[in-house]
């Protein structure tokens, strides 16, 4: 009897089509057109969309943190370069003043 019931299953989206599988997440029976093979399992488009959205969210947070870190590192590097250049100019100026105006 259960085999006969499975044969009569219809797609949740298309009433006239025979269901070929059941989505492992939402448990709806679906036809071949309504499911997608994703990582070795058949899943419906709405569940795949939800799964993809959940998978992207942590990466965005990590990417944002990475971007902030790169920005801070860039500001620090620019400061260090300008500080070094200013110190070099001060040293060069002091040496040239000592050479031009020796102490008597």
C-alpha atoms as a PDB file:
ATOM      1  CA  UNK A   1       0.000   0.000   0.000  1.00  0.00           C
ATOM      2  CA  UNK A   2       2.817   2.453   0.768  1.00  0.00           C
ATOM      3  CA  UNK A   3       4.356   1.828  -2.699  1.00  0.00           C
ATOM      4  CA  UNK A   4       1.035   2.631  -4.296  1.00  0.00           C
ATOM      5  CA  UNK A   5       0.768   5.820  -2.248  1.00  0.00           C
ATOM      6  CA  UNK A   6       4.275   6.868  -3.328  1.00  0.00           C
ATOM      7  CA  UNK A   7       3.359   6.353  -6.967  1.00  0.00           C
ATOM      8  CA  UNK A   8       0.433   8.715  -6.595  1.00  0.00           C
ATOM      9  CA  UNK A   9       2.459  11.523  -5.009  1.00  0.00           C
ATOM     10  CA  UNK A  10       2.165  14.783  -6.924  1.00  0.00           C
ATOM     11  CA  UNK A  11       4.482  17.765  -7.068  1.00  0.00           C
ATOM     12  CA  UNK A  12       3.708  20.471  -4.512  1.00  0.00           C
ATOM     13  CA  UNK A  13       4.162  23.144  -7.212  1.00  0.00           C
ATOM     14  CA  UNK A  14       2.673  21.296 -10.220  1.00  0.00           C
ATOM     15  CA  UNK A  15      -0.421  19.251  -9.395  1.00  0.00           C
ATOM     16  CA  UNK A  16      -0.414  17.348 -12.683  1.00  0.00           C
ATOM     17  CA  UNK A  17       3.182  16.139 -12.414  1.00  0.00           C
ATOM     18  CA  UNK A  18       4.378  13.086 -10.547  1.00  0.00           C
ATOM     19  CA  UNK A  19       6.729  13.739  -7.637  1.00  0.00           C
ATOM     20  CA  UNK A  20      10.182  12.188  -7.958  1.00  0.00           C
ATOM     21  CA  UNK A  21      11.600  13.069  -4.561  1.00  0.00           C
ATOM     22  CA  UNK A  22      11.032  14.840  -1.313  1.00  0.00           C
ATOM     23  CA  UNK A  23      13.081  17.889  -0.300  1.00  0.00           C
ATOM     24  CA  UNK A  24      15.159  16.895   2.750  1.00  0.00           C
ATOM     25  CA  UNK A  25      14.608  20.268   4.420  1.00  0.00           C
ATOM     26  CA  UNK A  26      10.987  21.283   3.825  1.00  0.00           C
ATOM     27  CA  UNK A  27       9.780  17.675   3.246  1.00  0.00           C
ATOM     28  CA  UNK A  28       7.598  18.655   0.261  1.00  0.00           C
ATOM     29  CA  UNK A  29       7.199  16.200  -2.631  1.00  0.00           C
ATOM     30  CA  UNK A  30       8.458  17.713  -5.870  1.00  0.00           C
ATOM     31  CA  UNK A  31       8.856  16.895  -9.552  1.00  0.00           C
ATOM     32  CA  UNK A  32      12.252  16.786 -11.303  1.00  0.00           C
ATOM     33  CA  UNK A  33      11.850  20.348 -12.571  1.00  0.00           C
ATOM     34  CA  UNK A  34      11.385  21.737  -9.043  1.00  0.00           C
ATOM     35  CA  UNK A  35      14.505  20.238  -7.452  1.00  0.00           C
ATOM     36  CA  UNK A  36      18.196  20.902  -7.948  1.00  0.00           C
ATOM     37  CA  UNK A  37      21.169  18.667  -7.254  1.00  0.00           C
ATOM     38  CA  UNK A  38      23.209  20.535  -4.646  1.00  0.00           C
ATOM     39  CA  UNK A  39      26.227  18.937  -2.961  1.00  0.00           C
ATOM     40  CA  UNK A  40      25.016  15.442  -3.776  1.00  0.00           C
ATOM     41  CA  UNK A  41      21.422  15.861  -2.645  1.00  0.00           C
ATOM     42  CA  UNK A  42      18.206  16.999  -4.295  1.00  0.00           C
ATOM     43  CA  UNK A  43      16.829  20.192  -2.746  1.00  0.00           C
ATOM     44  CA  UNK A  44      14.062  22.612  -3.756  1.00  0.00           C
ATOM     45  CA  UNK A  45      14.841  26.131  -4.976  1.00  0.00           C
ATOM     46  CA  UNK A  46      13.400  27.921  -1.932  1.00  0.00           C
ATOM     47  CA  UNK A  47      15.417  25.791   0.518  1.00  0.00           C
ATOM     48  CA  UNK A  48      18.536  26.243  -1.636  1.00  0.00           C
ATOM     49  CA  UNK A  49      18.016  30.025  -1.546  1.00  0.00           C
ATOM     50  CA  UNK A  50      17.726  29.962   2.257  1.00  0.00           C
ATOM     51  CA  UNK A  51      20.802  27.762   2.567  1.00  0.00           C
ATOM     52  CA  UNK A  52      22.804  30.024   0.262  1.00  0.00           C
ATOM     53  CA  UNK A  53      21.759  33.135   2.210  1.00  0.00           C
ATOM     54  CA  UNK A  54      22.782  31.523   5.509  1.00  0.00           C
ATOM     55  CA  UNK A  55      26.118  30.437   4.057  1.00  0.00           C
ATOM     56  CA  UNK A  56      26.922  33.950   2.759  1.00  0.00           C
ATOM     57  CA  UNK A  57      26.125  35.856   5.945  1.00  0.00           C
ATOM     58  CA  UNK A  58      29.134  34.728   8.041  1.00  0.00           C
ATOM     59  CA  UNK A  59      31.481  35.377   5.138  1.00  0.00           C
ATOM     60  CA  UNK A  60      30.221  38.942   4.798  1.00  0.00           C
ATOM     61  CA  UNK A  61      30.930  39.629   8.459  1.00  0.00           C
ATOM     62  CA  UNK A  62      34.413  38.185   8.104  1.00  0.00           C
ATOM     63  CA  UNK A  63      35.018  40.129   4.919  1.00  0.00           C
ATOM     64  CA  UNK A  64      33.891  43.371   6.570  1.00  0.00           C
ATOM     65  CA  UNK A  65      36.238  42.791   9.492  1.00  0.00           C
ATOM     66  CA  UNK A  66      39.050  42.039   7.051  1.00  0.00           C
ATOM     67  CA  UNK A  67      38.358  45.271   5.135  1.00  0.00           C
ATOM     68  CA  UNK A  68      38.467  47.304   8.355  1.00  0.00           C
ATOM     69  CA  UNK A  69      41.747  45.653   9.339  1.00  0.00           C
ATOM     70  CA  UNK A  70      43.280  46.405   5.948  1.00  0.00           C
ATOM     71  CA  UNK A  71      42.125  50.025   6.212  1.00  0.00           C
ATOM     72  CA  UNK A  72      43.672  50.453   9.669  1.00  0.00           C
ATOM     73  CA  UNK A  73      46.904  48.831   8.471  1.00  0.00           C
ATOM     74  CA  UNK A  74      46.958  51.180   5.465  1.00  0.00           C
ATOM     75  CA  UNK A  75      46.525  54.273   7.659  1.00  0.00           C
ATOM     76  CA  UNK A  76      49.286  53.049   9.995  1.00  0.00           C
ATOM     77  CA  UNK A  77      51.620  52.357   7.063  1.00  0.00           C
ATOM     78  CA  UNK A  78      50.984  55.816   5.573  1.00  0.00           C
ATOM     79  CA  UNK A  79      51.624  57.437   8.968  1.00  0.00           C
ATOM     80  CA  UNK A  80      54.877  55.477   9.381  1.00  0.00           C
ATOM     81  CA  UNK A  81      56.107  56.494   5.914  1.00  0.00           C
ATOM     82  CA  UNK A  82      55.297  60.189   6.425  1.00  0.00           C
ATOM     83  CA  UNK A  83      56.808  60.131   9.926  1.00  0.00           C
ATOM     84  CA  UNK A  84      59.996  58.544   8.574  1.00  0.00           C
ATOM     85  CA  UNK A  85      60.204  61.058   5.739  1.00  0.00           C
ATOM     86  CA  UNK A  86      59.704  63.979   8.152  1.00  0.00           C
ATOM     87  CA  UNK A  87      62.408  62.650  10.503  1.00  0.00           C
ATOM     88  CA  UNK A  88      64.789  62.293   7.544  1.00  0.00           C
ATOM     89  CA  UNK A  89      64.120  65.878   6.441  1.00  0.00           C
ATOM     90  CA  UNK A  90      64.712  67.159   9.959  1.00  0.00           C
ATOM     91  CA  UNK A  91      68.014  65.250  10.183  1.00  0.00           C
ATOM     92  CA  UNK A  92      69.166  66.474   6.753  1.00  0.00           C
ATOM     93  CA  UNK A  93      68.255  70.079   7.625  1.00  0.00           C
ATOM     94  CA  UNK A  94      70.102  69.937  10.953  1.00  0.00           C
ATOM     95  CA  UNK A  95      73.234  68.520   9.306  1.00  0.00           C
ATOM     96  CA  UNK A  96      73.202  71.117   6.534  1.00  0.00           C
ATOM     97  CA  UNK A  97      72.744  73.942   9.082  1.00  0.00           C
ATOM     98  CA  UNK A  98      75.686  72.637  11.149  1.00  0.00           C
ATOM     99  CA  UNK A  99      77.824  72.476   8.016  1.00  0.00           C
ATOM    100  CA  UNK A 100      76.823  76.010   6.915  1.00  0.00           C
ATOM    101  CA  UNK A 101      77.089  77.578  10.383  1.00  0.00           C
ATOM    102  CA  UNK A 102      79.865  75.894  12.307  1.00  0.00           C
ATOM    103  CA  UNK A 103      80.193  76.837  15.976  1.00  0.00           C
ATOM    104  CA  UNK A 104      82.921  79.359  16.669  1.00  0.00           C
END
